[in-house]
């Protein structure tokens, strides 16, 4: 079972966040599982986003990019993350952040650091608050993705993390 110690410490740290936990499976397997789940979450969110785009519920309502598109085109426009239309660009950054959350949340949950997760969610929410006034479905997708992320972390991934 891999254990984690700070570099150059020569042994266990007294900080439980750094050394107070271990994984029941290898680090590469855990990270691959987190990457797979982040990809699945991206697919789910892109399905909902594609439906919103098809209906014209998008921040760029003047041009209504994608309104009336077939589902597969709207989905691909969301999923690929790179587009000529800046309203559809996310460069996969949300998936990378989701991966990092899926890797970190189970550790924080097992160690009882609920407040760190809450602070992170508050920071994420406050940073996007202005954009959600334009589209309520955008805010609901954000809530859904965070709920799924926390649910997967708590009900599935946390079983691979043990407090030392």
Protein backbone atom coordinates (compact mmCIF):
# COMPACT_ATOMS: atom_id res chain seq x y z
CA UNK A 1 0.00 0.00 0.00
CA UNK A 2 1.52 3.31 -1.03
CA UNK A 3 2.11 5.81 1.75
CA UNK A 4 2.78 9.45 1.19
CA UNK A 5 5.45 11.41 3.03
CA UNK A 6 6.72 14.91 2.39
CA UNK A 7 9.96 15.02 0.39
CA UNK A 8 13.22 15.00 2.36
CA UNK A 9 11.44 14.28 5.62
CA UNK A 10 12.98 10.88 6.18
CA UNK A 11 9.73 9.52 7.54
CA UNK A 12 6.12 10.12 8.37
CA UNK A 13 4.87 13.64 8.82
CA UNK A 14 2.75 14.74 11.71
CA UNK A 15 0.44 16.50 9.25
CA UNK A 16 -2.43 14.08 8.57
CA UNK A 17 -3.24 15.80 5.27
CA UNK A 18 0.19 14.87 3.91
CA UNK A 19 0.82 11.50 5.54
CA UNK A 20 -2.29 10.49 7.43
CA UNK A 21 -3.78 8.36 4.66
CA UNK A 22 -3.02 5.63 2.16
CA UNK A 23 -4.60 4.05 -0.90
CA UNK A 24 -5.76 0.44 -1.05
CA UNK A 25 -4.84 0.28 -4.75
CA UNK A 26 -1.86 1.61 -6.63
CA UNK A 27 -1.56 5.32 -7.33
CA UNK A 28 -1.58 4.83 -11.14
CA UNK A 29 -4.78 2.72 -10.92
CA UNK A 30 -6.43 5.30 -8.68
CA UNK A 31 -5.52 8.17 -11.00
CA UNK A 32 -6.71 6.23 -14.08
CA UNK A 33 -10.02 5.58 -12.32
CA UNK A 34 -10.32 9.30 -11.49
CA UNK A 35 -9.54 10.21 -15.13
CA UNK A 36 -12.18 7.75 -16.39
CA UNK A 37 -14.79 9.17 -14.01
CA UNK A 38 -13.87 12.75 -15.02
CA UNK A 39 -14.43 11.77 -18.65
CA UNK A 40 -17.82 10.23 -17.81
CA UNK A 41 -18.82 13.38 -15.94
CA UNK A 42 -17.78 15.48 -18.93
CA UNK A 43 -20.02 13.37 -21.17
CA UNK A 44 -22.99 13.79 -18.81
CA UNK A 45 -22.53 17.55 -18.54
CA UNK A 46 -22.05 17.88 -22.31
CA UNK A 47 -25.32 16.03 -22.93
CA UNK A 48 -27.20 18.58 -20.82
CA UNK A 49 -25.24 21.45 -22.32
CA UNK A 50 -25.98 20.25 -25.86
CA UNK A 51 -29.71 20.16 -25.07
CA UNK A 52 -29.49 23.72 -23.76
CA UNK A 53 -27.59 24.87 -26.85
CA UNK A 54 -30.17 23.28 -29.15
CA UNK A 55 -32.88 25.28 -27.43
CA UNK A 56 -30.97 28.56 -27.55
CA UNK A 57 -30.38 28.67 -23.78
CA UNK A 58 -26.86 29.95 -23.94
CA UNK A 59 -25.09 33.11 -22.76
CA UNK A 60 -24.57 34.38 -26.33
CA UNK A 61 -28.30 34.68 -26.98
CA UNK A 62 -27.89 37.36 -29.66
CA UNK A 63 -26.22 34.99 -32.10
CA UNK A 64 -27.77 31.84 -30.60
CA UNK A 65 -24.87 29.60 -31.64
CA UNK A 66 -26.16 26.08 -32.14
CA UNK A 67 -29.87 26.78 -31.91
CA UNK A 68 -31.63 24.17 -34.02
CA UNK A 69 -28.50 22.06 -34.50
CA UNK A 70 -28.92 18.29 -34.43
CA UNK A 71 -27.99 16.84 -31.04
CA UNK A 72 -24.78 15.15 -32.22
CA UNK A 73 -23.38 18.46 -33.56
CA UNK A 74 -24.30 20.38 -30.40
CA UNK A 75 -22.81 17.62 -28.23
CA UNK A 76 -19.58 17.51 -30.24
CA UNK A 77 -19.28 21.30 -30.09
CA UNK A 78 -19.43 21.06 -26.27
CA UNK A 79 -17.37 17.92 -25.83
CA UNK A 80 -14.38 18.84 -27.99
CA UNK A 81 -13.68 21.93 -25.89
CA UNK A 82 -12.12 23.85 -28.79
CA UNK A 83 -14.30 25.95 -31.05
CA UNK A 84 -14.20 29.03 -33.25
CA UNK A 85 -17.14 30.32 -31.23
CA UNK A 86 -15.72 31.48 -27.89
CA UNK A 87 -19.02 30.75 -26.14
CA UNK A 88 -18.35 27.02 -26.56
CA UNK A 89 -14.66 26.95 -25.61
CA UNK A 90 -13.57 25.44 -22.30
CA UNK A 91 -10.24 23.89 -23.42
CA UNK A 92 -11.05 20.85 -21.23
CA UNK A 93 -10.13 22.89 -18.15
CA UNK A 94 -13.35 21.89 -16.37
CA UNK A 95 -12.48 18.22 -16.92
CA UNK A 96 -8.97 18.74 -15.55
CA UNK A 97 -10.38 20.49 -12.48
CA UNK A 98 -12.95 17.70 -12.10
CA UNK A 99 -10.14 15.12 -12.25
CA UNK A 100 -8.22 16.95 -9.53
CA UNK A 101 -11.36 17.12 -7.38
CA UNK A 102 -12.07 13.41 -7.88
CA UNK A 103 -8.51 12.61 -6.80
CA UNK A 104 -8.52 14.95 -3.78
CA UNK A 105 -12.08 14.79 -2.41
CA UNK A 106 -11.91 11.17 -1.16
CA UNK A 107 -8.76 11.95 0.82
CA UNK A 108 -10.29 15.09 2.29
CA UNK A 109 -13.51 13.22 3.08
CA UNK A 110 -11.69 10.37 4.86
CA UNK A 111 -9.63 12.81 6.89
CA UNK A 112 -12.70 14.84 7.84
CA UNK A 113 -11.67 18.03 6.03
CA UNK A 114 -15.19 18.86 4.92
CA UNK A 115 -14.53 22.57 5.37
CA UNK A 116 -11.81 22.55 2.69
CA UNK A 117 -14.25 21.03 0.21
CA UNK A 118 -16.90 23.57 1.21
CA UNK A 119 -14.46 26.45 0.83
CA UNK A 120 -13.42 25.22 -2.61
CA UNK A 121 -17.04 24.92 -3.72
CA UNK A 122 -17.79 28.41 -2.40
CA UNK A 123 -14.80 29.80 -4.29
CA UNK A 124 -15.91 28.08 -7.51
CA UNK A 125 -19.47 29.31 -7.09
CA UNK A 126 -18.56 32.92 -6.35
CA UNK A 127 -16.25 33.11 -9.35
CA UNK A 128 -19.02 32.28 -11.81
CA UNK A 129 -21.97 33.99 -10.16
CA UNK A 130 -22.37 36.75 -12.75
CA UNK A 131 -22.59 34.37 -15.71
CA UNK A 132 -25.35 32.34 -14.11
CA UNK A 133 -27.72 35.29 -14.05
CA UNK A 134 -27.96 34.92 -17.83
CA UNK A 135 -28.73 31.18 -17.88
CA UNK A 136 -30.29 29.22 -15.03
CA UNK A 137 -29.57 25.92 -16.81
CA UNK A 138 -25.87 26.78 -16.75
CA UNK A 139 -26.06 27.12 -12.97
CA UNK A 140 -28.02 23.87 -12.67
CA UNK A 141 -25.38 22.04 -14.77
CA UNK A 142 -22.74 23.39 -12.42
CA UNK A 143 -24.70 22.11 -9.42
CA UNK A 144 -25.27 18.72 -11.08
CA UNK A 145 -21.60 18.27 -11.96
CA UNK A 146 -20.53 19.14 -8.41
CA UNK A 147 -23.17 16.85 -6.94
CA UNK A 148 -22.04 13.96 -9.16
CA UNK A 149 -18.40 14.69 -8.37
CA UNK A 150 -19.04 14.67 -4.62
CA UNK A 151 -21.27 11.59 -4.88
CA UNK A 152 -18.67 9.60 -6.80
CA UNK A 153 -16.00 10.70 -4.35
CA UNK A 154 -18.03 9.80 -1.28
CA UNK A 155 -19.80 6.64 -2.39
CA UNK A 156 -17.18 5.07 -4.66
CA UNK A 157 -13.66 6.53 -4.50
CA UNK A 158 -13.50 7.03 -0.72
CA UNK A 159 -13.45 3.26 -0.23
CA UNK A 160 -9.95 3.20 -1.75
CA UNK A 161 -8.64 5.74 0.79
CA UNK A 162 -7.93 4.86 4.41
CA UNK A 163 -6.81 7.09 7.23
CA UNK A 164 -3.45 5.93 8.54
